[in-house]
C-alpha cells in the first residue's frame, strides 16, 4: 500500500499523511513540489511516524508510477472527474493512490498514468476534501478491506 503525493504543499498535510500511512500500514512517495518533510510543522504533524514509515523521495512521479505498475501494483488516481467510487473496488493486490495538490489536484499527465481514477462521494456543496483527509480515507479503506472489517 502506497500513497504517492504530487505537489502537496502544506507541511501539515504531508505530515498527517505520513502519520496515517503508519496506522494503515502504507509507504509514502513524495514527489517534487511537496512540502519539506523535515520542516518543523511537517515533523510535528507526523508525531514520530517520520522515523517509522518508509518514505521515498522521487523527482519524477510518472517514472515512479511506471515502476510500481511494472511490479504489479495497481495505481489509482484520486480525481474529482472520476466516475467510479473508491469503496467499489477490491484492493486485494498491491495498491498505490496518487494524491494531488490541495488547490489543483493531480496533474493531467500523472492522472493519465493511473490504471483507474476514482473519487470519494461528497454531499453538500464542497468541491473537494483536504488532501490529508482524502489520502486517509483511501489508505484506511484498503487497510479495512484487507483485514476483512468495515468501519
Protein backbone atom coordinates (compact mmCIF):
# COMPACT_ATOMS: atom_id res chain seq x y z
CA UNK A 1 0.00 0.00 0.00
CA UNK A 2 1.49 3.30 -1.14
CA UNK A 3 0.40 6.94 -1.05
CA UNK A 4 2.17 8.90 -3.78
CA UNK A 5 1.93 12.67 -3.35
CA UNK A 6 2.19 15.23 -6.13
CA UNK A 7 2.81 18.85 -5.13
CA UNK A 8 1.16 18.52 -1.72
CA UNK A 9 2.44 21.83 -0.40
CA UNK A 10 1.08 22.10 3.13
CA UNK A 11 3.59 20.60 5.59
CA UNK A 12 0.71 19.70 7.92
CA UNK A 13 -0.92 17.66 5.16
CA UNK A 14 2.33 15.89 4.30
CA UNK A 15 2.96 15.09 7.96
CA UNK A 16 -0.59 13.90 8.55
CA UNK A 17 -0.45 11.63 5.50
CA UNK A 18 2.79 10.09 6.78
CA UNK A 19 1.27 9.59 10.23
CA UNK A 20 -1.83 8.00 8.74
CA UNK A 21 0.31 5.82 6.47
CA UNK A 22 1.89 4.29 9.55
CA UNK A 23 -1.51 3.46 11.00
CA UNK A 24 -2.77 1.97 7.75
CA UNK A 25 0.45 0.06 7.01
CA UNK A 26 1.43 2.13 3.98
CA UNK A 27 4.55 3.66 2.50
CA UNK A 28 4.77 7.18 1.06
CA UNK A 29 6.30 8.55 -2.12
CA UNK A 30 6.92 12.30 -2.07
CA UNK A 31 7.16 13.85 -5.49
CA UNK A 32 8.85 17.09 -6.44
CA UNK A 33 6.93 20.11 -5.20
CA UNK A 34 5.81 18.54 -1.94
CA UNK A 35 6.41 20.37 1.31
CA UNK A 36 9.69 19.70 3.10
CA UNK A 37 9.06 16.65 5.26
CA UNK A 38 11.78 17.86 7.64
CA UNK A 39 10.20 21.27 8.27
CA UNK A 40 9.12 21.74 11.90
CA UNK A 41 5.39 21.71 11.04
CA UNK A 42 5.68 18.51 8.99
CA UNK A 43 7.79 16.77 11.63
CA UNK A 44 5.30 17.71 14.37
CA UNK A 45 2.39 16.51 12.22
CA UNK A 46 3.96 13.07 11.80
CA UNK A 47 4.05 12.58 15.60
CA UNK A 48 7.15 10.41 15.16
CA UNK A 49 5.90 8.42 12.16
CA UNK A 50 8.52 10.16 10.03
CA UNK A 51 11.06 7.81 11.61
CA UNK A 52 9.00 4.64 11.12
CA UNK A 53 7.32 4.93 7.71
CA UNK A 54 9.16 4.02 4.51
CA UNK A 55 9.38 7.27 2.53
CA UNK A 56 10.75 7.58 -1.00
CA UNK A 57 11.69 10.96 -2.46
CA UNK A 58 11.02 10.88 -6.19
CA UNK A 59 11.77 13.64 -8.67
CA UNK A 60 9.70 12.06 -11.43
CA UNK A 61 6.40 10.62 -10.16
CA UNK A 62 5.48 9.46 -13.66
CA UNK A 63 8.55 7.25 -13.66
CA UNK A 64 7.73 6.02 -10.14
CA UNK A 65 4.22 5.08 -11.28
CA UNK A 66 5.65 3.11 -14.19
CA UNK A 67 7.94 1.24 -11.77
CA UNK A 68 5.04 0.46 -9.44
CA UNK A 69 2.95 -0.85 -12.32
CA UNK A 70 5.85 -3.00 -13.53
CA UNK A 71 5.87 -4.57 -10.05
CA UNK A 72 2.18 -5.43 -10.38
CA UNK A 73 0.90 -2.61 -8.19
CA UNK A 74 -2.50 -1.25 -9.24
CA UNK A 75 -2.32 2.56 -9.36
CA UNK A 76 -5.39 4.67 -8.61
CA UNK A 77 -5.69 8.42 -9.11
CA UNK A 78 -7.91 10.30 -6.68
CA UNK A 79 -9.70 12.66 -9.02
CA UNK A 80 -12.92 14.66 -8.91
CA UNK A 81 -13.69 13.81 -12.55
CA UNK A 82 -13.78 10.06 -11.86
CA UNK A 83 -16.94 8.05 -12.29
CA UNK A 84 -16.02 5.12 -10.04
CA UNK A 85 -16.21 5.44 -6.25
CA UNK A 86 -13.32 4.33 -4.07
CA UNK A 87 -15.40 1.91 -1.98
CA UNK A 88 -16.49 -0.15 -5.02
CA UNK A 89 -13.08 -1.72 -5.50
CA UNK A 90 -11.35 -4.78 -4.07
CA UNK A 91 -7.74 -3.65 -3.31
CA UNK A 92 -6.53 -7.22 -2.69
CA UNK A 93 -3.45 -6.67 -4.84
CA UNK A 94 -0.67 -4.14 -4.39
CA UNK A 95 -2.26 -0.70 -4.32
CA UNK A 96 -1.00 2.84 -4.79
CA UNK A 97 -3.01 6.04 -4.56
CA UNK A 98 -1.98 9.23 -6.32
CA UNK A 99 -2.95 12.28 -4.28
CA UNK A 100 -2.56 15.74 -5.72
CA UNK A 101 -2.10 19.34 -4.75
CA UNK A 102 -4.55 20.94 -2.34
CA UNK A 103 -5.72 23.57 -4.81
CA UNK A 104 -5.29 21.91 -8.20
CA UNK A 105 -5.48 18.17 -7.62
CA UNK A 106 -3.38 15.86 -9.75
CA UNK A 107 -1.77 16.96 -12.97
CA UNK A 108 -3.43 15.51 -16.06
CA UNK A 109 -0.14 13.86 -17.03
CA UNK A 110 0.10 11.93 -13.77
CA UNK A 111 -3.60 11.07 -13.60
CA UNK A 112 -3.35 9.65 -17.12
CA UNK A 113 -0.68 7.19 -15.90
CA UNK A 114 -3.05 5.63 -13.36
CA UNK A 115 -4.78 2.31 -14.02
CA UNK A 116 -8.03 3.89 -12.84
CA UNK A 117 -9.34 7.16 -11.49
CA UNK A 118 -11.65 7.11 -8.51
CA UNK A 119 -13.43 9.55 -6.27
CA UNK A 120 -14.79 9.93 -2.79
CA UNK A 121 -18.52 10.75 -2.75
CA UNK A 122 -19.40 14.09 -1.17
CA UNK A 123 -22.65 15.63 -0.06
CA UNK A 124 -23.28 19.35 0.17
CA UNK A 125 -21.65 22.00 -1.96
CA UNK A 126 -17.98 21.44 -1.22
CA UNK A 127 -15.69 20.90 -4.18
CA UNK A 128 -13.10 18.63 -2.61
CA UNK A 129 -11.63 17.27 0.60
CA UNK A 130 -8.38 18.22 2.27
CA UNK A 131 -5.50 16.19 0.73
CA UNK A 132 -4.66 14.52 4.05
CA UNK A 133 -8.29 13.62 4.70
CA UNK A 134 -8.72 12.13 1.22
CA UNK A 135 -5.48 10.14 1.49
CA UNK A 136 -6.51 8.91 4.95
CA UNK A 137 -9.90 7.69 3.74
CA UNK A 138 -8.28 5.83 0.85
CA UNK A 139 -5.49 4.22 2.90
CA UNK A 140 -7.81 3.11 5.69
CA UNK A 141 -10.30 1.69 3.21
CA UNK A 142 -7.59 -0.62 1.90
CA UNK A 143 -6.46 -1.46 5.43
CA UNK A 144 -10.03 -2.25 6.44
CA UNK A 145 -10.81 -4.37 3.37
CA UNK A 146 -7.61 -6.36 3.79
CA UNK A 147 -8.44 -7.01 7.44
CA UNK A 148 -11.95 -8.08 6.47
CA UNK A 149 -13.67 -5.41 8.53
CA UNK A 150 -15.84 -2.41 7.85
CA UNK A 151 -15.63 0.95 9.54
